[in-house]
Amino acid sequence: MFTNKRYITCGISSAIPEELQLALWSMIDNFRASTDIEVDYLQIFSLSNQKGKQKIIHRQEEPVYYNEIVVAFIWNPVENAKIFVVDDGEHSTMMLAEEY
């Protein structure tokens, strides 16, 4: 999972800074490399502002996985965004939840 070509939607391109997009892909890569938990085809990210820093919750539903981090970036944090990253076997696509 998530070793194929990667794509982003127009919504991601316009709403999420490129550096944050790369950080989310890296979180998936690190999860795949550092755990014995099976990686689900659907990865879910929730973004919010926590005292001027970017709060990122990365989770999957089956099997259950949850990771929360707070990071200081040089741009203003993205507020209240939910992002899905879906692996369909041939592609991995990052999209805003409302684009699903």
PDB file of N, CA and C in Angstrom:
ATOM      1  N   MET A   1       0.828  -1.190   0.000  1.00  0.00           N
ATOM      2  CA  MET A   1       0.000   0.000   0.000  1.00  0.00           C
ATOM      3  C   MET A   1       0.875   1.257   0.000  1.00  0.00           C
ATOM      4  N   PHE A   2       0.418   2.253  -0.723  1.00  0.00           N
ATOM      5  CA  PHE A   2       1.020   3.578  -0.784  1.00  0.00           C
ATOM      6  C   PHE A   2       2.458   3.575  -1.306  1.00  0.00           C
ATOM      7  N   THR A   3       2.752   2.630  -2.219  1.00  0.00           N
ATOM      8  CA  THR A   3       4.069   2.611  -2.862  1.00  0.00           C
ATOM      9  C   THR A   3       3.947   2.927  -4.352  1.00  0.00           C
ATOM     10  N   ASN A   4       2.755   3.315  -4.793  1.00  0.00           N
ATOM     11  CA  ASN A   4       2.498   3.584  -6.197  1.00  0.00           C
ATOM     12  C   ASN A   4       2.563   5.094  -6.485  1.00  0.00           C
ATOM     13  N   LYS A   5       2.163   5.481  -7.699  1.00  0.00           N
ATOM     14  CA  LYS A   5       2.173   6.904  -8.065  1.00  0.00           C
ATOM     15  C   LYS A   5       1.223   7.690  -7.163  1.00  0.00           C
ATOM     16  N   ARG A   6       1.642   8.908  -6.828  1.00  0.00           N
ATOM     17  CA  ARG A   6       0.888   9.748  -5.901  1.00  0.00           C
ATOM     18  C   ARG A   6       0.310  10.958  -6.613  1.00  0.00           C
ATOM     19  N   TYR A   7      -0.937  11.261  -6.255  1.00  0.00           N
ATOM     20  CA  TYR A   7      -1.652  12.374  -6.864  1.00  0.00           C
ATOM     21  C   TYR A   7      -2.327  13.207  -5.786  1.00  0.00           C
ATOM     22  N   ILE A   8      -2.588  14.470  -6.136  1.00  0.00           N
ATOM     23  CA  ILE A   8      -3.369  15.340  -5.264  1.00  0.00           C
ATOM     24  C   ILE A   8      -4.504  15.931  -6.092  1.00  0.00           C
ATOM     25  N   THR A   9      -5.587  16.266  -5.431  1.00  0.00           N
ATOM     26  CA  THR A   9      -6.716  16.900  -6.105  1.00  0.00           C
ATOM     27  C   THR A   9      -6.516  18.412  -6.158  1.00  0.00           C
ATOM     28  N   CYS A  10      -7.379  19.059  -6.922  1.00  0.00           N
ATOM     29  CA  CYS A  10      -7.349  20.531  -7.005  1.00  0.00           C
ATOM     30  C   CYS A  10      -7.591  21.165  -5.642  1.00  0.00           C
ATOM     31  N   GLY A  11      -8.468  20.547  -4.847  1.00  0.00           N
ATOM     32  CA  GLY A  11      -8.745  21.073  -3.512  1.00  0.00           C
ATOM     33  C   GLY A  11      -7.521  21.066  -2.623  1.00  0.00           C
ATOM     34  N   ILE A  12      -6.765  19.988  -2.659  1.00  0.00           N
ATOM     35  CA  ILE A  12      -5.521  19.907  -1.880  1.00  0.00           C
ATOM     36  C   ILE A  12      -4.536  20.945  -2.379  1.00  0.00           C
ATOM     37  N   SER A  13      -4.392  21.035  -3.692  1.00  0.00           N
ATOM     38  CA  SER A  13      -3.449  21.980  -4.291  1.00  0.00           C
ATOM     39  C   SER A  13      -3.732  23.410  -3.871  1.00  0.00           C
ATOM     40  N   SER A  14      -4.999  23.767  -3.772  1.00  0.00           N
ATOM     41  CA  SER A  14      -5.340  25.152  -3.450  1.00  0.00           C
ATOM     42  C   SER A  14      -5.433  25.442  -1.951  1.00  0.00           C
ATOM     43  N   ALA A  15      -5.692  24.422  -1.118  1.00  0.00           N
ATOM     44  CA  ALA A  15      -5.947  24.681   0.304  1.00  0.00           C
ATOM     45  C   ALA A  15      -4.823  24.268   1.246  1.00  0.00           C
ATOM     46  N   ILE A  16      -3.951  23.383   0.799  1.00  0.00           N
ATOM     47  CA  ILE A  16      -2.932  22.821   1.694  1.00  0.00           C
ATOM     48  C   ILE A  16      -1.544  23.180   1.168  1.00  0.00           C
ATOM     49  N   PRO A  17      -0.711  23.857   1.972  1.00  0.00           N
ATOM     50  CA  PRO A  17       0.644  24.197   1.521  1.00  0.00           C
ATOM     51  C   PRO A  17       1.430  22.948   1.111  1.00  0.00           C
ATOM     52  N   GLU A  18       2.256  23.103   0.085  1.00  0.00           N
ATOM     53  CA  GLU A  18       3.016  21.959  -0.448  1.00  0.00           C
ATOM     54  C   GLU A  18       3.855  21.272   0.625  1.00  0.00           C
ATOM     55  N   GLU A  19       4.464  22.050   1.495  1.00  0.00           N
ATOM     56  CA  GLU A  19       5.301  21.457   2.544  1.00  0.00           C
ATOM     57  C   GLU A  19       4.462  20.580   3.479  1.00  0.00           C
ATOM     58  N   LEU A  20       3.225  20.994   3.741  1.00  0.00           N
ATOM     59  CA  LEU A  20       2.344  20.198   4.587  1.00  0.00           C
ATOM     60  C   LEU A  20       1.898  18.939   3.844  1.00  0.00           C
ATOM     61  N   GLN A  21       1.629  19.046   2.553  1.00  0.00           N
ATOM     62  CA  GLN A  21       1.312  17.865   1.756  1.00  0.00           C
ATOM     63  C   GLN A  21       2.439  16.838   1.873  1.00  0.00           C
ATOM     64  N   LEU A  22       3.669  17.301   1.703  1.00  0.00           N
ATOM     65  CA  LEU A  22       4.831  16.397   1.793  1.00  0.00           C
ATOM     66  C   LEU A  22       4.955  15.792   3.183  1.00  0.00           C
ATOM     67  N   ALA A  23       4.646  16.577   4.209  1.00  0.00           N
ATOM     68  CA  ALA A  23       4.692  16.052   5.580  1.00  0.00           C
ATOM     69  C   ALA A  23       3.670  14.933   5.771  1.00  0.00           C
ATOM     70  N   LEU A  24       2.470  15.079   5.193  1.00  0.00           N
ATOM     71  CA  LEU A  24       1.446  14.031   5.319  1.00  0.00           C
ATOM     72  C   LEU A  24       1.872  12.764   4.588  1.00  0.00           C
ATOM     73  N   TRP A  25       2.421  12.899   3.373  1.00  0.00           N
ATOM     74  CA  TRP A  25       2.933  11.711   2.668  1.00  0.00           C
ATOM     75  C   TRP A  25       4.039  11.042   3.507  1.00  0.00           C
ATOM     76  N   SER A  26       4.898  11.848   4.117  1.00  0.00           N
ATOM     77  CA  SER A  26       5.975  11.298   4.960  1.00  0.00           C
ATOM     78  C   SER A  26       5.429  10.563   6.170  1.00  0.00           C
ATOM     79  N   MET A  27       4.346  11.074   6.740  1.00  0.00           N
ATOM     80  CA  MET A  27       3.736  10.388   7.888  1.00  0.00           C
ATOM     81  C   MET A  27       3.219   9.007   7.475  1.00  0.00           C
ATOM     82  N   ILE A  28       2.663   8.909   6.287  1.00  0.00           N
ATOM     83  CA  ILE A  28       2.221   7.596   5.793  1.00  0.00           C
ATOM     84  C   ILE A  28       3.426   6.690   5.592  1.00  0.00           C
ATOM     85  N   ASP A  29       4.486   7.210   4.968  1.00  0.00           N
ATOM     86  CA  ASP A  29       5.695   6.409   4.741  1.00  0.00           C
ATOM     87  C   ASP A  29       6.302   5.928   6.057  1.00  0.00           C
ATOM     88  N   ASN A  30       6.371   6.810   7.036  1.00  0.00           N
ATOM     89  CA  ASN A  30       6.930   6.440   8.340  1.00  0.00           C
ATOM     90  C   ASN A  30       6.060   5.402   9.040  1.00  0.00           C
ATOM     91  N   PHE A  31       4.755   5.549   8.940  1.00  0.00           N
ATOM     92  CA  PHE A  31       3.827   4.573   9.513  1.00  0.00           C
ATOM     93  C   PHE A  31       4.044   3.196   8.882  1.00  0.00           C
ATOM     94  N   ARG A  32       4.137   3.163   7.557  1.00  0.00           N
ATOM     95  CA  ARG A  32       4.356   1.894   6.846  1.00  0.00           C
ATOM     96  C   ARG A  32       5.669   1.233   7.285  1.00  0.00           C
ATOM     97  N   ALA A  33       6.720   2.045   7.465  1.00  0.00           N
ATOM     98  CA  ALA A  33       8.052   1.512   7.745  1.00  0.00           C
ATOM     99  C   ALA A  33       8.269   1.133   9.201  1.00  0.00           C
ATOM    100  N   SER A  34       7.492   1.716  10.109  1.00  0.00           N
ATOM    101  CA  SER A  34       7.840   1.564  11.520  1.00  0.00           C
ATOM    102  C   SER A  34       6.823   0.796  12.355  1.00  0.00           C
ATOM    103  N   THR A  35       5.915   0.087  11.720  1.00  0.00           N
ATOM    104  CA  THR A  35       4.891  -0.590  12.507  1.00  0.00           C
ATOM    105  C   THR A  35       4.589  -1.969  11.946  1.00  0.00           C
ATOM    106  N   ASP A  36       4.075  -2.813  12.806  1.00  0.00           N
ATOM    107  CA  ASP A  36       3.608  -4.124  12.376  1.00  0.00           C
ATOM    108  C   ASP A  36       2.122  -4.104  12.051  1.00  0.00           C
ATOM    109  N   ILE A  37       1.485  -2.942  12.254  1.00  0.00           N
ATOM    110  CA  ILE A  37       0.057  -2.804  11.971  1.00  0.00           C
ATOM    111  C   ILE A  37      -0.144  -2.782  10.455  1.00  0.00           C
ATOM    112  N   GLU A  38      -1.148  -3.497   9.980  1.00  0.00           N
ATOM    113  CA  GLU A  38      -1.473  -3.483   8.559  1.00  0.00           C
ATOM    114  C   GLU A  38      -1.951  -2.092   8.163  1.00  0.00           C
ATOM    115  N   VAL A  39      -1.455  -1.610   7.047  1.00  0.00           N
ATOM    116  CA  VAL A  39      -1.820  -0.284   6.569  1.00  0.00           C
ATOM    117  C   VAL A  39      -3.105  -0.399   5.746  1.00  0.00           C
ATOM    118  N   ASP A  40      -4.130   0.351   6.145  1.00  0.00           N
ATOM    119  CA  ASP A  40      -5.414   0.362   5.460  1.00  0.00           C
ATOM    120  C   ASP A  40      -5.319   1.205   4.182  1.00  0.00           C
ATOM    121  N   TYR A  41      -6.201   0.941   3.234  1.00  0.00           N
ATOM    122  CA  TYR A  41      -6.227   1.690   1.974  1.00  0.00           C
ATOM    123  C   TYR A  41      -6.652   3.145   2.175  1.00  0.00           C
ATOM    124  N   LEU A  42      -7.280   3.459   3.311  1.00  0.00           N
ATOM    125  CA  LEU A  42      -7.749   4.809   3.595  1.00  0.00           C
ATOM    126  C   LEU A  42      -7.036   5.357   4.827  1.00  0.00           C
ATOM    127  N   GLN A  43      -6.259   6.411   4.615  1.00  0.00           N
ATOM    128  CA  GLN A  43      -5.601   7.114   5.704  1.00  0.00           C
ATOM    129  C   GLN A  43      -6.319   8.452   5.887  1.00  0.00           C
ATOM    130  N   ILE A  44      -6.540   8.841   7.133  1.00  0.00           N
ATOM    131  CA  ILE A  44      -7.329  10.027   7.440  1.00  0.00           C
ATOM    132  C   ILE A  44      -6.465  10.997   8.255  1.00  0.00           C
ATOM    133  N   PHE A  45      -6.469  12.253   7.816  1.00  0.00           N
ATOM    134  CA  PHE A  45      -5.756  13.303   8.533  1.00  0.00           C
ATOM    135  C   PHE A  45      -6.742  14.399   8.912  1.00  0.00           C
ATOM    136  N   SER A  46      -6.651  14.855  10.147  1.00  0.00           N
ATOM    137  CA  SER A  46      -7.436  16.002  10.617  1.00  0.00           C
ATOM    138  C   SER A  46      -6.449  17.093  10.996  1.00  0.00           C
ATOM    139  N   LEU A  47      -6.643  18.279  10.428  1.00  0.00           N
ATOM    140  CA  LEU A  47      -5.737  19.401  10.664  1.00  0.00           C
ATOM    141  C   LEU A  47      -6.459  20.482  11.439  1.00  0.00           C
ATOM    142  N   SER A  48      -5.759  21.068  12.409  1.00  0.00           N
ATOM    143  CA  SER A  48      -6.327  22.180  13.159  1.00  0.00           C
ATOM    144  C   SER A  48      -5.211  23.060  13.704  1.00  0.00           C
ATOM    145  N   ASN A  49      -5.600  24.226  14.152  1.00  0.00           N
ATOM    146  CA  ASN A  49      -4.677  25.194  14.731  1.00  0.00           C
ATOM    147  C   ASN A  49      -4.663  25.003  16.244  1.00  0.00           C
ATOM    148  N   GLN A  50      -3.465  24.774  16.788  1.00  0.00           N
ATOM    149  CA  GLN A  50      -3.329  24.675  18.237  1.00  0.00           C
ATOM    150  C   GLN A  50      -2.301  25.696  18.684  1.00  0.00           C
ATOM    151  N   LYS A  51      -2.798  26.842  19.144  1.00  0.00           N
ATOM    152  CA  LYS A  51      -1.954  27.931  19.648  1.00  0.00           C
ATOM    153  C   LYS A  51      -0.900  28.354  18.629  1.00  0.00           C
ATOM    154  N   GLY A  52      -1.323  28.505  17.368  1.00  0.00           N
ATOM    155  CA  GLY A  52      -0.421  28.968  16.322  1.00  0.00           C
ATOM    156  C   GLY A  52       0.436  27.893  15.695  1.00  0.00           C
ATOM    157  N   LYS A  53       0.267  26.662  16.125  1.00  0.00           N
ATOM    158  CA  LYS A  53       1.010  25.536  15.551  1.00  0.00           C
ATOM    159  C   LYS A  53       0.031  24.605  14.836  1.00  0.00           C
ATOM    160  N   GLN A  54       0.585  23.814  13.922  1.00  0.00           N
ATOM    161  CA  GLN A  54      -0.258  22.890  13.162  1.00  0.00           C
ATOM    162  C   GLN A  54      -0.430  21.589  13.919  1.00  0.00           C
ATOM    163  N   LYS A  55      -1.666  21.274  14.272  1.00  0.00           N
ATOM    164  CA  LYS A  55      -1.985  19.992  14.899  1.00  0.00           C
ATOM    165  C   LYS A  55      -2.416  19.043  13.786  1.00  0.00           C
ATOM    166  N   ILE A  56      -1.796  17.858  13.761  1.00  0.00           N
ATOM    167  CA  ILE A  56      -2.105  16.841  12.753  1.00  0.00           C
ATOM    168  C   ILE A  56      -2.475  15.554  13.475  1.00  0.00           C
ATOM    169  N   ILE A  57      -3.664  15.066  13.210  1.00  0.00           N
ATOM    170  CA  ILE A  57      -4.079  13.753  13.701  1.00  0.00           C
ATOM    171  C   ILE A  57      -4.115  12.831  12.501  1.00  0.00           C
ATOM    172  N   HIS A  58      -3.344  11.755  12.576  1.00  0.00           N
ATOM    173  CA  HIS A  58      -3.284  10.750  11.509  1.00  0.00           C
ATOM    174  C   HIS A  58      -3.895   9.477  12.067  1.00  0.00           C
ATOM    175  N   ARG A  59      -4.890   8.942  11.335  1.00  0.00           N
ATOM    176  CA  ARG A  59      -5.526   7.726  11.816  1.00  0.00           C
ATOM    177  C   ARG A  59      -5.987   6.861  10.655  1.00  0.00           C
ATOM    178  N   GLN A  60      -6.305   5.637  10.992  1.00  0.00           N
ATOM    179  CA  GLN A  60      -6.998   4.732  10.083  1.00  0.00           C
ATOM    180  C   GLN A  60      -7.989   3.959  10.926  1.00  0.00           C
ATOM    181  N   GLU A  61      -9.001   3.410  10.263  1.00  0.00           N
ATOM    182  CA  GLU A  61     -10.071   2.752  11.003  1.00  0.00           C
ATOM    183  C   GLU A  61      -9.862   1.258  11.181  1.00  0.00           C
ATOM    184  N   GLU A  62      -9.292   0.564  10.186  1.00  0.00           N
ATOM    185  CA  GLU A  62      -9.198  -0.894  10.270  1.00  0.00           C
ATOM    186  C   GLU A  62      -7.868  -1.387   9.734  1.00  0.00           C
ATOM    187  N   PRO A  63      -6.966  -1.931  10.546  1.00  0.00           N
ATOM    188  CA  PRO A  63      -7.057  -1.937  12.003  1.00  0.00           C
ATOM    189  C   PRO A  63      -6.820  -0.529  12.557  1.00  0.00           C
ATOM    190  N   VAL A  64      -7.247  -0.348  13.770  1.00  0.00           N
ATOM    191  CA  VAL A  64      -7.199   0.983  14.384  1.00  0.00           C
ATOM    192  C   VAL A  64      -5.755   1.463  14.532  1.00  0.00           C
ATOM    193  N   TYR A  65      -5.537   2.703  14.114  1.00  0.00           N
ATOM    194  CA  TYR A  65      -4.256   3.381  14.284  1.00  0.00           C
ATOM    195  C   TYR A  65      -4.562   4.849  14.559  1.00  0.00           C
ATOM    196  N   TYR A  66      -3.776   5.471  15.456  1.00  0.00           N
ATOM    197  CA  TYR A  66      -3.976   6.866  15.810  1.00  0.00           C
ATOM    198  C   TYR A  66      -2.629   7.469  16.190  1.00  0.00           C
ATOM    199  N   ASN A  67      -2.312   8.614  15.598  1.00  0.00           N
ATOM    200  CA  ASN A  67      -1.100   9.339  15.937  1.00  0.00           C
ATOM    201  C   ASN A  67      -1.405  10.830  15.882  1.00  0.00           C
ATOM    202  N   GLU A  68      -0.978  11.562  16.879  1.00  0.00           N
ATOM    203  CA  GLU A  68      -1.242  12.996  16.952  1.00  0.00           C
ATOM    204  C   GLU A  68       0.070  13.725  17.158  1.00  0.00           C
ATOM    205  N   ILE A  69       0.305  14.758  16.344  1.00  0.00           N
ATOM    206  CA  ILE A  69       1.510  15.577  16.515  1.00  0.00           C
ATOM    207  C   ILE A  69       1.124  17.053  16.401  1.00  0.00           C
ATOM    208  N   VAL A  70       1.973  17.901  16.960  1.00  0.00           N
ATOM    209  CA  VAL A  70       1.832  19.349  16.835  1.00  0.00           C
ATOM    210  C   VAL A  70       3.176  19.861  16.338  1.00  0.00           C
ATOM    211  N   VAL A  71       3.124  20.630  15.224  1.00  0.00           N
ATOM    212  CA  VAL A  71       4.341  21.057  14.550  1.00  0.00           C
ATOM    213  C   VAL A  71       4.280  22.560  14.290  1.00  0.00           C
ATOM    214  N   ALA A  72       5.411  23.220  14.432  1.00  0.00           N
ATOM    215  CA  ALA A  72       5.509  24.633  14.081  1.00  0.00           C
ATOM    216  C   ALA A  72       6.047  24.740  12.658  1.00  0.00           C
ATOM    217  N   PHE A  73       5.267  25.341  11.775  1.00  0.00           N
ATOM    218  CA  PHE A  73       5.702  25.602  10.405  1.00  0.00           C
ATOM    219  C   PHE A  73       5.844  27.105  10.232  1.00  0.00           C
ATOM    220  N   ILE A  74       6.390  27.540   9.101  1.00  0.00           N
ATOM    221  CA  ILE A  74       6.590  28.967   8.872  1.00  0.00           C
ATOM    222  C   ILE A  74       5.344  29.658   8.332  1.00  0.00           C
ATOM    223  N   TRP A  75       4.306  28.908   7.995  1.00  0.00           N
ATOM    224  CA  TRP A  75       3.059  29.503   7.521  1.00  0.00           C
ATOM    225  C   TRP A  75       1.995  29.371   8.607  1.00  0.00           C
ATOM    226  N   ASN A  76       0.890  30.038   8.406  1.00  0.00           N
ATOM    227  CA  ASN A  76      -0.211  29.927   9.354  1.00  0.00           C
ATOM    228  C   ASN A  76      -0.814  28.525   9.273  1.00  0.00           C
ATOM    229  N   PRO A  77      -1.179  27.941  10.393  1.00  0.00           N
ATOM    230  CA  PRO A  77      -1.734  26.588  10.391  1.00  0.00           C
ATOM    231  C   PRO A  77      -3.040  26.505   9.603  1.00  0.00           C
ATOM    232  N   VAL A  78      -3.244  25.372   8.979  1.00  0.00           N
ATOM    233  CA  VAL A  78      -4.508  25.089   8.312  1.00  0.00           C
ATOM    234  C   VAL A  78      -5.519  24.764   9.396  1.00  0.00           C
ATOM    235  N   GLU A  79      -6.693  25.363   9.309  1.00  0.00           N
ATOM    236  CA  GLU A  79      -7.709  25.149  10.339  1.00  0.00           C
ATOM    237  C   GLU A  79      -8.828  24.263   9.841  1.00  0.00           C
ATOM    238  N   ASN A  80      -9.201  23.303  10.653  1.00  0.00           N
ATOM    239  CA  ASN A  80     -10.391  22.478  10.426  1.00  0.00           C
ATOM    240  C   ASN A  80     -10.473  21.872   9.030  1.00  0.00           C
ATOM    241  N   ALA A  81      -9.437  21.145   8.648  1.00  0.00           N
ATOM    242  CA  ALA A  81      -9.445  20.433   7.377  1.00  0.00           C
ATOM    243  C   ALA A  81      -9.373  18.939   7.653  1.00  0.00           C
ATOM    244  N   LYS A  82     -10.121  18.184   6.885  1.00  0.00           N
ATOM    245  CA  LYS A  82     -10.069  16.733   6.961  1.00  0.00           C
ATOM    246  C   LYS A  82      -9.618  16.237   5.593  1.00  0.00           C
ATOM    247  N   ILE A  83      -8.594  15.397   5.590  1.00  0.00           N
ATOM    248  CA  ILE A  83      -7.980  14.925   4.356  1.00  0.00           C
ATOM    249  C   ILE A  83      -8.015  13.410   4.321  1.00  0.00           C
ATOM    250  N   PHE A  84      -8.406  12.872   3.185  1.00  0.00           N
ATOM    251  CA  PHE A  84      -8.351  11.431   2.950  1.00  0.00           C
ATOM    252  C   PHE A  84      -7.218  11.155   1.967  1.00  0.00           C
ATOM    253  N   VAL A  85      -6.477  10.092   2.225  1.00  0.00           N
ATOM    254  CA  VAL A  85      -5.498   9.595   1.266  1.00  0.00           C
ATOM    255  C   VAL A  85      -5.908   8.160   0.976  1.00  0.00           C
ATOM    256  N   VAL A  86      -6.225   7.890  -0.296  1.00  0.00           N
ATOM    257  CA  VAL A  86      -6.788   6.611  -0.701  1.00  0.00           C
ATOM    258  C   VAL A  86      -5.833   5.914  -1.657  1.00  0.00           C
ATOM    259  N   ASP A  87      -5.556   4.632  -1.387  1.00  0.00           N
ATOM    260  CA  ASP A  87      -4.766   3.796  -2.282  1.00  0.00           C
ATOM    261  C   ASP A  87      -5.726   2.824  -2.959  1.00  0.00           C
ATOM    262  N   ASP A  88      -5.871   2.943  -4.279  1.00  0.00           N
ATOM    263  CA  ASP A  88      -6.786   2.055  -5.010  1.00  0.00           C
ATOM    264  C   ASP A  88      -6.058   0.897  -5.686  1.00  0.00           C
ATOM    265  N   GLY A  89      -4.793   0.707  -5.351  1.00  0.00           N
ATOM    266  CA  GLY A  89      -4.014  -0.370  -5.942  1.00  0.00           C
ATOM    267  C   GLY A  89      -3.110   0.103  -7.066  1.00  0.00           C
ATOM    268  N   GLU A  90      -3.555   1.101  -7.808  1.00  0.00           N
ATOM    269  CA  GLU A  90      -2.764   1.649  -8.905  1.00  0.00           C
ATOM    270  C   GLU A  90      -2.249   3.049  -8.612  1.00  0.00           C
ATOM    271  N   HIS A  91      -2.981   3.813  -7.784  1.00  0.00           N
ATOM    272  CA  HIS A  91      -2.632   5.193  -7.457  1.00  0.00           C
ATOM    273  C   HIS A  91      -2.906   5.447  -5.984  1.00  0.00           C
ATOM    274  N   SER A  92      -2.227   6.447  -5.471  1.00  0.00           N
ATOM    275  CA  SER A  92      -2.552   6.988  -4.149  1.00  0.00           C
ATOM    276  C   SER A  92      -2.964   8.431  -4.370  1.00  0.00           C
ATOM    277  N   THR A  93      -4.138   8.793  -3.853  1.00  0.00           N
ATOM    278  CA  THR A  93      -4.675  10.127  -4.087  1.00  0.00           C
ATOM    279  C   THR A  93      -4.990  10.808  -2.770  1.00  0.00           C
ATOM    280  N   MET A  94      -4.477  12.033  -2.622  1.00  0.00           N
ATOM    281  CA  MET A  94      -4.751  12.863  -1.452  1.00  0.00           C
ATOM    282  C   MET A  94      -5.852  13.841  -1.836  1.00  0.00           C
ATOM    283  N   MET A  95      -6.925  13.882  -1.021  1.00  0.00           N
ATOM    284  CA  MET A  95      -8.061  14.748  -1.323  1.00  0.00           C
ATOM    285  C   MET A  95      -8.662  15.302  -0.051  1.00  0.00           C
ATOM    286  N   LEU A  96      -9.319  16.441  -0.180  1.00  0.00           N
ATOM    287  CA  LEU A  96     -10.112  16.957   0.924  1.00  0.00           C
ATOM    288  C   LEU A  96     -11.307  16.049   1.108  1.00  0.00           C
ATOM    289  N   ALA A  97     -11.780  15.886   2.321  1.00  0.00           N
ATOM    290  CA  ALA A  97     -12.897  14.993   2.604  1.00  0.00           C
ATOM    291  C   ALA A  97     -14.115  15.336   1.759  1.00  0.00           C
ATOM    292  N   GLU A  98     -14.358  16.618   1.540  1.00  0.00           N
ATOM    293  CA  GLU A  98     -15.541  17.002   0.763  1.00  0.00           C
ATOM    294  C   GLU A  98     -15.405  16.676  -0.728  1.00  0.00           C
ATOM    295  N   GLU A  99     -14.202  16.297  -1.169  1.00  0.00           N
ATOM    296  CA  GLU A  99     -13.997  15.889  -2.560  1.00  0.00           C
ATOM    297  C   GLU A  99     -14.212  14.383  -2.758  1.00  0.00           C
ATOM    298  N   TYR A 100     -14.385  13.650  -1.678  1.00  0.00           N
ATOM    299  CA  TYR A 100     -14.505  12.187  -1.754  1.00  0.00           C
ATOM    300  C   TYR A 100     -15.805  11.770  -2.375  1.00  0.00           C
TER     301      TYR A 100
END
